[in-house]
Amino acid sequence: MTPSELQRQVKAALETITAPVTKDYREYDGTYPHIVYSEISNVPAFYGDNRELFFRAVYQVAIVTDDDDYEVLESAVENVMLELGFIRSSAQDIFDGNFNRVLRFEISVLKSF
C-alpha cells in the first residue's frame, strides 16, 4: 500500500459515518456535528536493501460539536479506524468555542512498489 492509498481508505471509511467529513480545518464549514481529519505524520518505519519497506502514519480525527455530545460519533470513528488496522494512540478534549474530541490513530503499513 502507498500513503496515497491509505489516505483514500481513511477518507472513504470516515465518510461512512453519519456526519459531514472534511480533510482539514481549512475546509470546515462550521456545521455541527462534523468530523475533521488529517495525516499529521508519515515516516519510514523499516528499511531493507536500501529502500523503505514499511511506513508509519499518524492521523488526527477531530469530532467538532456545539455541545459535548460526541460519544456515538467517537465510537463510530474508532470502529472504522480500527477496522483499517489503526490503533488509537491518544484522545483529548479541546474547547475553542467549539467542543472538540481529538483522537489520534497510528498504523504501520507494508509499502507497495
N, C-alpha and C. Protein backbone atom coordinates (compact mmCIF):
# COMPACT_ATOMS: atom_id res chain seq x y z
N MET A 1 0.85 -1.18 0.00
CA MET A 1 0.00 0.00 0.00
C MET A 1 0.89 1.24 0.00
N THR A 2 0.43 2.27 -0.64
CA THR A 2 1.14 3.55 -0.65
C THR A 2 0.46 4.51 0.32
N PRO A 3 1.15 5.57 0.74
CA PRO A 3 0.49 6.57 1.59
C PRO A 3 -0.76 7.17 0.96
N SER A 4 -0.76 7.38 -0.34
CA SER A 4 -1.94 7.92 -1.03
C SER A 4 -3.12 6.95 -0.96
N GLU A 5 -2.84 5.67 -1.10
CA GLU A 5 -3.91 4.67 -0.99
C GLU A 5 -4.48 4.65 0.43
N LEU A 6 -3.60 4.78 1.42
CA LEU A 6 -4.07 4.83 2.80
C LEU A 6 -4.96 6.05 3.02
N GLN A 7 -4.57 7.19 2.49
CA GLN A 7 -5.39 8.40 2.62
C GLN A 7 -6.78 8.20 2.03
N ARG A 8 -6.85 7.57 0.86
CA ARG A 8 -8.14 7.31 0.23
C ARG A 8 -8.99 6.36 1.09
N GLN A 9 -8.36 5.36 1.69
CA GLN A 9 -9.09 4.42 2.54
C GLN A 9 -9.64 5.10 3.79
N VAL A 10 -8.81 5.95 4.40
CA VAL A 10 -9.25 6.68 5.60
C VAL A 10 -10.45 7.57 5.25
N LYS A 11 -10.34 8.31 4.17
CA LYS A 11 -11.44 9.20 3.76
C LYS A 11 -12.72 8.41 3.51
N ALA A 12 -12.62 7.32 2.75
CA ALA A 12 -13.80 6.51 2.44
C ALA A 12 -14.42 5.92 3.70
N ALA A 13 -13.59 5.45 4.63
CA ALA A 13 -14.10 4.87 5.86
C ALA A 13 -14.81 5.91 6.72
N LEU A 14 -14.21 7.08 6.87
CA LEU A 14 -14.84 8.13 7.68
C LEU A 14 -16.14 8.63 7.06
N GLU A 15 -16.21 8.62 5.73
CA GLU A 15 -17.42 9.09 5.05
C GLU A 15 -18.60 8.14 5.22
N THR A 16 -18.38 6.95 5.78
CA THR A 16 -19.49 6.04 6.06
C THR A 16 -20.22 6.43 7.34
N ILE A 17 -19.65 7.35 8.10
CA ILE A 17 -20.24 7.81 9.36
C ILE A 17 -21.24 8.92 9.05
N THR A 18 -22.32 8.99 9.82
CA THR A 18 -23.39 9.94 9.53
C THR A 18 -23.10 11.35 10.04
N ALA A 19 -22.02 11.94 9.56
CA ALA A 19 -21.68 13.33 9.84
C ALA A 19 -20.81 13.82 8.69
N PRO A 20 -20.88 15.10 8.37
CA PRO A 20 -20.00 15.60 7.31
C PRO A 20 -18.53 15.39 7.67
N VAL A 21 -17.71 15.13 6.65
CA VAL A 21 -16.29 14.86 6.84
C VAL A 21 -15.49 15.80 5.95
N THR A 22 -14.47 16.44 6.52
CA THR A 22 -13.54 17.24 5.73
C THR A 22 -12.12 16.85 6.09
N LYS A 23 -11.22 17.11 5.13
CA LYS A 23 -9.84 16.67 5.30
C LYS A 23 -9.06 17.52 6.30
N ASP A 24 -9.31 18.78 6.39
CA ASP A 24 -8.63 19.60 7.39
C ASP A 24 -9.50 20.80 7.76
N TYR A 25 -9.06 21.56 8.77
CA TYR A 25 -9.88 22.65 9.28
C TYR A 25 -10.09 23.76 8.26
N ARG A 26 -9.22 23.89 7.27
CA ARG A 26 -9.41 24.93 6.26
C ARG A 26 -10.69 24.71 5.47
N GLU A 27 -11.15 23.45 5.39
CA GLU A 27 -12.36 23.12 4.64
C GLU A 27 -13.60 23.05 5.53
N TYR A 28 -13.43 23.17 6.84
CA TYR A 28 -14.55 23.05 7.77
C TYR A 28 -15.50 24.23 7.58
N ASP A 29 -16.80 23.92 7.42
CA ASP A 29 -17.78 24.97 7.11
C ASP A 29 -18.61 25.44 8.30
N GLY A 30 -18.30 24.98 9.49
CA GLY A 30 -19.00 25.45 10.69
C GLY A 30 -20.24 24.66 11.05
N THR A 31 -20.56 23.59 10.33
CA THR A 31 -21.74 22.79 10.67
C THR A 31 -21.42 21.84 11.83
N TYR A 32 -22.47 21.44 12.55
CA TYR A 32 -22.33 20.53 13.68
C TYR A 32 -23.25 19.34 13.50
N PRO A 33 -22.88 18.18 13.98
CA PRO A 33 -21.51 17.78 14.28
C PRO A 33 -20.73 17.61 12.99
N HIS A 34 -19.44 17.56 13.11
CA HIS A 34 -18.57 17.48 11.93
C HIS A 34 -17.32 16.68 12.29
N ILE A 35 -16.79 15.94 11.32
CA ILE A 35 -15.55 15.19 11.51
C ILE A 35 -14.48 15.83 10.64
N VAL A 36 -13.38 16.19 11.26
CA VAL A 36 -12.25 16.79 10.54
C VAL A 36 -11.04 15.90 10.77
N TYR A 37 -10.40 15.47 9.67
CA TYR A 37 -9.26 14.57 9.82
C TYR A 37 -8.07 15.09 9.03
N SER A 38 -6.88 14.66 9.44
CA SER A 38 -5.68 14.99 8.68
C SER A 38 -4.57 14.00 9.03
N GLU A 39 -3.71 13.79 8.06
CA GLU A 39 -2.50 13.00 8.30
C GLU A 39 -1.50 13.95 8.93
N ILE A 40 -1.04 13.64 10.12
CA ILE A 40 -0.11 14.55 10.79
C ILE A 40 1.32 14.05 10.76
N SER A 41 1.51 12.79 10.38
CA SER A 41 2.86 12.26 10.29
C SER A 41 2.86 11.07 9.35
N ASN A 42 3.95 10.97 8.58
CA ASN A 42 4.16 9.82 7.71
C ASN A 42 5.66 9.65 7.60
N VAL A 43 6.19 8.65 8.27
CA VAL A 43 7.64 8.47 8.34
C VAL A 43 8.02 7.04 8.01
N PRO A 44 9.22 6.84 7.47
CA PRO A 44 9.69 5.47 7.23
C PRO A 44 9.78 4.72 8.56
N ALA A 45 9.40 3.46 8.53
CA ALA A 45 9.44 2.65 9.75
C ALA A 45 10.46 1.53 9.69
N PHE A 46 10.80 1.09 8.47
CA PHE A 46 11.73 -0.03 8.34
C PHE A 46 12.31 -0.02 6.94
N TYR A 47 13.61 -0.25 6.87
CA TYR A 47 14.31 -0.30 5.59
C TYR A 47 14.90 -1.68 5.36
N GLY A 48 15.06 -2.04 4.10
CA GLY A 48 15.75 -3.25 3.70
C GLY A 48 16.24 -3.10 2.27
N ASP A 49 17.44 -3.57 2.00
CA ASP A 49 18.02 -3.46 0.66
C ASP A 49 17.99 -2.02 0.15
N ASN A 50 18.30 -1.09 1.04
CA ASN A 50 18.38 0.33 0.71
C ASN A 50 17.08 0.95 0.23
N ARG A 51 15.96 0.43 0.69
CA ARG A 51 14.68 1.06 0.36
C ARG A 51 13.71 0.91 1.53
N GLU A 52 12.77 1.81 1.57
CA GLU A 52 11.75 1.82 2.62
C GLU A 52 10.79 0.66 2.39
N LEU A 53 10.61 -0.18 3.42
CA LEU A 53 9.70 -1.31 3.32
C LEU A 53 8.37 -1.07 4.03
N PHE A 54 8.42 -0.37 5.15
CA PHE A 54 7.23 -0.03 5.92
C PHE A 54 7.23 1.46 6.18
N PHE A 55 6.03 2.04 6.29
CA PHE A 55 5.92 3.41 6.76
C PHE A 55 4.94 3.44 7.93
N ARG A 56 5.11 4.44 8.78
CA ARG A 56 4.24 4.63 9.94
C ARG A 56 3.51 5.94 9.75
N ALA A 57 2.19 5.90 9.81
CA ALA A 57 1.38 7.09 9.63
C ALA A 57 0.57 7.37 10.89
N VAL A 58 0.39 8.65 11.18
CA VAL A 58 -0.44 9.08 12.30
C VAL A 58 -1.51 10.00 11.73
N TYR A 59 -2.75 9.68 12.05
CA TYR A 59 -3.89 10.51 11.64
C TYR A 59 -4.55 11.10 12.86
N GLN A 60 -4.97 12.35 12.72
CA GLN A 60 -5.74 13.00 13.77
C GLN A 60 -7.16 13.17 13.26
N VAL A 61 -8.12 12.78 14.10
CA VAL A 61 -9.53 12.91 13.75
C VAL A 61 -10.19 13.71 14.86
N ALA A 62 -10.78 14.85 14.49
CA ALA A 62 -11.47 15.69 15.47
C ALA A 62 -12.96 15.61 15.22
N ILE A 63 -13.70 15.41 16.28
CA ILE A 63 -15.16 15.45 16.23
C ILE A 63 -15.57 16.80 16.80
N VAL A 64 -16.14 17.64 15.96
CA VAL A 64 -16.47 19.01 16.35
C VAL A 64 -17.98 19.09 16.59
N THR A 65 -18.36 19.55 17.79
CA THR A 65 -19.77 19.69 18.13
C THR A 65 -20.01 21.06 18.78
N ASP A 66 -21.28 21.44 18.88
CA ASP A 66 -21.62 22.67 19.59
C ASP A 66 -21.98 22.38 21.04
N ASP A 67 -21.94 21.12 21.40
CA ASP A 67 -22.08 20.69 22.80
C ASP A 67 -21.06 19.57 22.99
N ASP A 68 -21.03 18.94 24.10
CA ASP A 68 -20.02 17.89 24.29
C ASP A 68 -20.61 16.49 24.10
N ASP A 69 -21.63 16.36 23.26
CA ASP A 69 -22.27 15.09 23.00
C ASP A 69 -21.66 14.46 21.74
N TYR A 70 -20.56 13.75 21.91
CA TYR A 70 -19.84 13.17 20.77
C TYR A 70 -19.58 11.68 20.93
N GLU A 71 -20.16 11.05 21.96
CA GLU A 71 -19.83 9.66 22.25
C GLU A 71 -20.19 8.70 21.12
N VAL A 72 -21.33 8.89 20.48
CA VAL A 72 -21.74 8.00 19.39
C VAL A 72 -20.78 8.15 18.21
N LEU A 73 -20.46 9.39 17.86
CA LEU A 73 -19.52 9.62 16.76
C LEU A 73 -18.13 9.12 17.11
N GLU A 74 -17.70 9.30 18.35
CA GLU A 74 -16.38 8.81 18.75
C GLU A 74 -16.30 7.29 18.58
N SER A 75 -17.33 6.60 18.99
CA SER A 75 -17.36 5.14 18.85
C SER A 75 -17.32 4.75 17.37
N ALA A 76 -18.07 5.45 16.52
CA ALA A 76 -18.09 5.14 15.09
C ALA A 76 -16.72 5.41 14.46
N VAL A 77 -16.09 6.53 14.80
CA VAL A 77 -14.76 6.84 14.27
C VAL A 77 -13.76 5.77 14.70
N GLU A 78 -13.78 5.44 15.98
CA GLU A 78 -12.84 4.43 16.47
C GLU A 78 -13.05 3.10 15.76
N ASN A 79 -14.29 2.70 15.55
CA ASN A 79 -14.58 1.43 14.88
C ASN A 79 -14.03 1.40 13.46
N VAL A 80 -14.27 2.46 12.67
CA VAL A 80 -13.80 2.42 11.28
C VAL A 80 -12.28 2.48 11.20
N MET A 81 -11.65 3.23 12.10
CA MET A 81 -10.19 3.30 12.07
C MET A 81 -9.56 1.98 12.51
N LEU A 82 -10.13 1.34 13.51
CA LEU A 82 -9.62 0.04 13.95
C LEU A 82 -9.80 -1.01 12.85
N GLU A 83 -10.92 -0.95 12.13
CA GLU A 83 -11.14 -1.88 11.02
C GLU A 83 -10.08 -1.72 9.92
N LEU A 84 -9.55 -0.51 9.77
CA LEU A 84 -8.48 -0.27 8.79
C LEU A 84 -7.12 -0.76 9.28
N GLY A 85 -7.02 -1.11 10.57
CA GLY A 85 -5.76 -1.60 11.12
C GLY A 85 -5.04 -0.60 12.00
N PHE A 86 -5.63 0.55 12.24
CA PHE A 86 -5.03 1.56 13.12
C PHE A 86 -5.18 1.16 14.57
N ILE A 87 -4.34 1.75 15.42
CA ILE A 87 -4.53 1.69 16.87
C ILE A 87 -4.73 3.13 17.34
N ARG A 88 -5.56 3.30 18.36
CA ARG A 88 -5.76 4.65 18.91
C ARG A 88 -4.62 4.95 19.85
N SER A 89 -3.93 6.05 19.61
CA SER A 89 -2.78 6.39 20.45
C SER A 89 -3.08 7.47 21.47
N SER A 90 -4.13 8.28 21.25
CA SER A 90 -4.48 9.29 22.24
C SER A 90 -5.87 9.83 21.97
N ALA A 91 -6.43 10.46 22.99
CA ALA A 91 -7.73 11.13 22.88
C ALA A 91 -7.73 12.27 23.89
N GLN A 92 -8.26 13.41 23.47
CA GLN A 92 -8.34 14.55 24.38
C GLN A 92 -9.48 15.46 23.98
N ASP A 93 -9.96 16.23 24.96
CA ASP A 93 -11.00 17.23 24.72
C ASP A 93 -10.34 18.60 24.59
N ILE A 94 -10.82 19.36 23.61
CA ILE A 94 -10.34 20.72 23.42
C ILE A 94 -11.56 21.61 23.23
N PHE A 95 -11.60 22.74 23.94
CA PHE A 95 -12.67 23.71 23.75
C PHE A 95 -12.06 24.98 23.21
N ASP A 96 -12.50 25.36 22.01
CA ASP A 96 -12.00 26.60 21.38
C ASP A 96 -13.18 27.41 20.83
N GLY A 97 -14.27 27.40 21.56
CA GLY A 97 -15.51 27.97 21.06
C GLY A 97 -16.42 26.86 20.56
N ASN A 98 -15.82 25.78 20.12
CA ASN A 98 -16.50 24.53 19.78
C ASN A 98 -16.01 23.48 20.76
N PHE A 99 -16.77 22.41 20.88
CA PHE A 99 -16.30 21.26 21.64
C PHE A 99 -15.64 20.32 20.64
N ASN A 100 -14.41 19.95 20.88
CA ASN A 100 -13.66 19.05 20.01
C ASN A 100 -13.19 17.84 20.79
N ARG A 101 -13.49 16.68 20.27
CA ARG A 101 -12.90 15.45 20.80
C ARG A 101 -11.85 15.05 19.78
N VAL A 102 -10.59 15.11 20.16
CA VAL A 102 -9.49 14.89 19.22
C VAL A 102 -8.87 13.52 19.49
N LEU A 103 -8.89 12.69 18.44
CA LEU A 103 -8.37 11.32 18.53
C LEU A 103 -7.18 11.19 17.59
N ARG A 104 -6.17 10.48 18.03
CA ARG A 104 -5.03 10.18 17.16
C ARG A 104 -4.92 8.68 16.99
N PHE A 105 -4.66 8.29 15.73
CA PHE A 105 -4.55 6.88 15.37
C PHE A 105 -3.25 6.65 14.63
N GLU A 106 -2.60 5.52 14.90
CA GLU A 106 -1.33 5.17 14.26
C GLU A 106 -1.44 3.84 13.55
N ILE A 107 -0.66 3.70 12.48
CA ILE A 107 -0.61 2.44 11.74
C ILE A 107 0.76 2.29 11.11
N SER A 108 1.27 1.06 11.05
CA SER A 108 2.45 0.73 10.29
C SER A 108 2.00 -0.09 9.10
N VAL A 109 2.50 0.27 7.92
CA VAL A 109 1.99 -0.32 6.68
C VAL A 109 3.15 -0.83 5.82
N LEU A 110 2.97 -2.02 5.27
CA LEU A 110 3.91 -2.55 4.29
C LEU A 110 3.75 -1.74 3.02
N LYS A 111 4.83 -1.15 2.57
CA LYS A 111 4.77 -0.27 1.41
C LYS A 111 4.79 -1.10 0.13
N SER A 112 3.94 -0.75 -0.82
CA SER A 112 3.93 -1.43 -2.11
C SER A 112 4.81 -0.68 -3.09
N PHE A 113 5.35 -1.40 -4.04
CA PHE A 113 6.26 -0.81 -5.00
C PHE A 113 5.75 -0.98 -6.41
